[in-house]
Protein backbone atom coordinates (compact mmCIF):
# COMPACT_ATOMS: atom_id res chain seq x y z
CA MET A 1 -27.14 -31.09 -29.27
CA ARG A 2 -26.23 -32.81 -25.87
CA LEU A 3 -22.75 -31.20 -25.77
CA ARG A 4 -24.35 -27.44 -26.16
CA HIS A 5 -26.82 -28.52 -23.06
CA LEU A 6 -24.04 -29.86 -20.92
CA THR A 7 -22.22 -26.71 -21.80
CA LEU A 8 -24.77 -24.25 -21.28
CA ALA A 9 -25.65 -26.03 -17.84
CA ALA A 10 -22.23 -25.64 -16.89
CA LEU A 11 -22.25 -22.08 -17.67
CA LEU A 12 -25.20 -21.42 -15.55
CA ALA A 13 -24.33 -22.93 -12.72
CA ALA A 14 -21.25 -20.87 -12.71
CA VAL A 15 -23.83 -17.83 -13.28
CA THR A 16 -25.62 -18.84 -10.37
CA ALA A 17 -23.07 -18.66 -8.00
CA VAL A 18 -21.44 -15.32 -9.45
CA CYS A 19 -25.03 -14.17 -8.95
CA SER A 20 -25.20 -15.05 -5.20
CA LEU A 21 -21.80 -13.36 -4.36
CA LEU A 22 -24.15 -10.01 -4.17
CA ALA A 23 -25.68 -10.55 -0.87
CA ILE A 24 -27.68 -7.36 0.39
CA PRO A 25 -28.94 -7.68 4.05
CA ASN A 26 -32.75 -8.26 4.36
CA PRO A 27 -33.32 -6.34 8.06
CA LEU A 28 -37.00 -8.18 7.80
CA VAL A 29 -35.88 -11.41 7.68
CA PRO A 30 -31.92 -11.77 8.72
CA GLY A 31 -29.83 -14.12 7.62
CA VAL A 32 -31.99 -14.41 4.28
CA PRO A 33 -30.73 -11.56 1.87
CA PHE A 34 -31.67 -10.59 -1.43
CA THR A 35 -29.31 -11.83 -4.01
CA LEU A 36 -29.62 -12.46 -7.75
CA GLN A 37 -29.56 -16.35 -7.81
CA VAL A 38 -33.50 -16.41 -8.67
CA LEU A 39 -32.74 -14.77 -11.62
CA ALA A 40 -30.04 -17.44 -12.31
CA VAL A 41 -32.36 -20.06 -11.49
CA CYS A 42 -35.14 -18.64 -13.95
CA LEU A 43 -32.41 -18.27 -16.55
CA THR A 44 -31.13 -22.01 -16.12
CA GLY A 45 -34.72 -23.07 -16.88
CA MET A 46 -35.76 -20.52 -19.77
CA LEU A 47 -32.31 -21.95 -21.87
CA LEU A 48 -32.03 -25.26 -21.30
CA PRO A 49 -34.74 -29.11 -21.45
CA PRO A 50 -35.97 -29.72 -17.79
CA GLY A 51 -33.18 -32.56 -16.88
CA PHE A 52 -30.21 -30.19 -17.92
CA ALA A 53 -31.90 -27.31 -15.92
CA ALA A 54 -32.29 -29.60 -12.91
CA ALA A 55 -28.64 -30.66 -13.42
CA ALA A 56 -26.83 -27.34 -13.18
CA GLN A 57 -28.22 -26.37 -10.15
CA VAL A 58 -27.68 -29.84 -8.62
CA VAL A 59 -24.00 -28.84 -9.71
CA TYR A 60 -24.18 -25.80 -8.53
CA LEU A 61 -25.57 -26.96 -5.13
CA LEU A 62 -22.85 -29.49 -5.00
CA LEU A 63 -20.10 -27.15 -5.67
CA GLY A 64 -20.93 -25.08 -2.17
CA ALA A 65 -21.62 -28.66 -0.35
CA VAL A 66 -18.01 -29.17 -1.29
CA GLY A 67 -16.88 -25.83 0.28
CA ILE A 68 -16.68 -23.74 -2.98
CA PRO A 69 -17.93 -20.28 -1.78
CA VAL A 70 -20.55 -20.01 -3.94
CA PHE A 71 -23.45 -19.74 -1.31
CA ALA A 72 -25.00 -16.15 -1.18
CA GLY A 73 -22.35 -13.59 0.30
CA GLY A 74 -19.37 -16.15 -0.50
CA ALA A 75 -21.01 -19.10 1.71
CA ALA A 76 -19.74 -22.34 1.49
CA GLY A 77 -20.04 -26.00 3.02
CA ALA A 78 -22.84 -28.74 3.61
CA GLY A 79 -24.03 -26.50 6.77
CA VAL A 80 -25.54 -23.98 4.45
CA LEU A 81 -27.73 -26.62 3.17
CA VAL A 82 -29.22 -26.90 6.51
CA SER A 83 -29.31 -23.65 7.39
CA LEU A 84 -31.75 -20.61 7.38
CA THR A 85 -31.26 -20.09 3.87
CA GLY A 86 -31.04 -23.86 2.89
CA GLY A 87 -34.88 -24.33 1.74
CA PHE A 88 -34.48 -21.99 -0.86
CA LEU A 89 -31.31 -23.57 -2.11
CA TRP A 90 -32.92 -26.86 -2.21
CA GLY A 91 -35.80 -25.47 -4.48
CA TYR A 92 -33.51 -24.36 -7.17
CA PRO A 93 -33.10 -27.85 -9.07
CA PRO A 94 -37.16 -28.25 -8.99
CA ALA A 95 -37.39 -24.67 -9.84
CA ALA A 96 -35.35 -24.86 -12.98
CA ALA A 97 -37.10 -27.84 -14.15
CA ALA A 98 -40.69 -26.78 -13.67
CA CYS A 99 -39.59 -23.36 -15.36
CA ALA A 100 -37.66 -25.23 -18.50
CA ALA A 101 -40.97 -27.45 -18.87
CA ILE A 102 -43.42 -24.74 -18.91
CA ALA A 103 -40.95 -22.26 -21.10
CA GLY A 104 -40.72 -25.40 -23.73
CA PRO A 105 -38.22 -25.55 -26.45
CA ARG A 106 -39.76 -22.36 -28.18
CA PRO A 107 -41.47 -20.39 -25.64
CA SER A 108 -43.41 -17.27 -26.00
CA TRP A 109 -43.68 -14.51 -23.86
CA ALA A 110 -46.17 -15.78 -21.87
CA ARG A 111 -44.68 -18.48 -21.34
CA LEU A 112 -40.88 -17.42 -20.32
CA ILE A 113 -42.84 -14.98 -17.93
CA SER A 114 -45.32 -18.40 -16.19
CA GLY A 115 -42.04 -20.30 -15.89
CA GLY A 116 -40.11 -17.99 -14.20
CA VAL A 117 -43.12 -17.12 -11.51
CA ALA A 118 -43.68 -20.94 -11.25
CA ALA A 119 -39.81 -21.22 -10.51
CA ILE A 120 -40.38 -18.49 -7.83
CA LEU A 121 -43.30 -20.49 -6.47
CA ILE A 122 -41.35 -23.51 -6.22
CA VAL A 123 -38.16 -21.87 -4.78
CA TYR A 124 -40.99 -19.96 -2.18
CA ALA A 125 -42.36 -23.16 -1.07
CA PHE A 126 -39.44 -24.96 -0.51
CA GLY A 127 -37.45 -21.82 1.34
CA PHE A 128 -40.61 -21.47 3.53
CA ALA A 129 -40.26 -24.98 4.69
CA GLY A 130 -36.82 -24.28 5.28
CA LEU A 131 -37.54 -21.45 7.54
CA VAL A 132 -39.80 -23.35 9.37
CA ALA A 133 -37.61 -26.52 9.76
CA PHE A 134 -33.88 -25.28 9.68
CA GLY A 135 -34.78 -21.76 11.09
CA HIS A 136 -37.65 -22.66 13.33
CA LEU A 137 -40.04 -20.10 12.46
CA ARG A 138 -43.53 -20.14 12.52
CA ALA A 139 -44.85 -20.77 9.18
CA ASP A 140 -47.38 -18.01 9.39
CA LEU A 141 -44.18 -15.59 10.25
CA ALA A 142 -41.90 -17.12 7.49
CA THR A 143 -44.35 -16.87 4.71
CA ALA A 144 -45.40 -12.98 5.79
CA ALA A 145 -41.92 -12.31 5.67
CA GLY A 146 -40.82 -13.79 2.57
CA LEU A 147 -43.76 -12.82 0.40
CA GLY A 148 -43.91 -9.23 1.58
CA THR A 149 -40.00 -8.91 1.58
CA PHE A 150 -38.50 -10.82 -1.41
CA LEU A 151 -41.61 -11.12 -3.98
CA PRO A 152 -41.64 -7.82 -5.67
CA TRP A 153 -37.69 -8.23 -6.23
CA ASP A 154 -37.81 -12.01 -7.29
CA LEU A 155 -41.20 -10.89 -9.94
CA GLY A 156 -38.59 -8.71 -10.97
CA LYS A 157 -35.88 -10.67 -11.54
CA ALA A 158 -38.55 -13.03 -13.10
CA VAL A 159 -39.20 -10.62 -16.18
CA LEU A 160 -35.39 -9.36 -16.29
CA ALA A 161 -34.70 -13.04 -16.82
CA ALA A 162 -37.42 -13.45 -19.62
CA LEU A 163 -35.88 -10.64 -21.69
CA LEU A 164 -32.36 -11.76 -21.76
CA ALA A 165 -33.51 -15.25 -22.28
CA HIS A 166 -35.62 -14.10 -25.28
CA ARG A 167 -32.06 -12.74 -26.39
CA LEU A 168 -29.69 -15.24 -25.66
CA ARG A 169 -31.72 -17.84 -27.25
CA ALA A 170 -32.23 -16.08 -30.53
CA ALA A 171 -28.19 -15.70 -30.12
CA LEU A 172 -27.95 -19.50 -29.61
CA ARG A 173 -30.38 -20.03 -32.59
CA GLY A 174 -28.38 -17.94 -35.06
CA GLY A 175 -24.99 -19.40 -33.67
CA ALA A 176 -23.82 -16.42 -31.99
CA LEU A 177 -23.25 -18.63 -28.75
CA ALA A 178 -22.70 -21.75 -30.64
């Protein structure tokens, strides 16, 4: 089982990288684009136990920090981790772990969705802290811009991740992806 989790963690780190490549500029919060990374973070938490889910996202962050262009829009380097989007990135490992803890080993739809929502809230908490710390935005502006702009989009990604996770978990149990 450990080898299966390690393999899946590596795959989900790669999925997170791929999901970062499509970066749509956000006119309301310049410098913080729309991406599919949160979808990958939620999916990671829905498919792996907490420790492996966090590890997958740490691997993703390390790849970007050492210069592999895996951050939004192909950005790379340790400087991204202390940029306007850095806080969001720092939130990925704890968000994936929390999602995994809530989803559990045999999740219901409600647990999958709840895990996804928890992951989003954690990413947002880290992200808003980063906007204030690294972007020097006022906390009220960071919160208002982030919630109004990203929340509907990210909730949709949590639901999509739950749908994908439900199908993928069934395939993994059945040995189709073993």
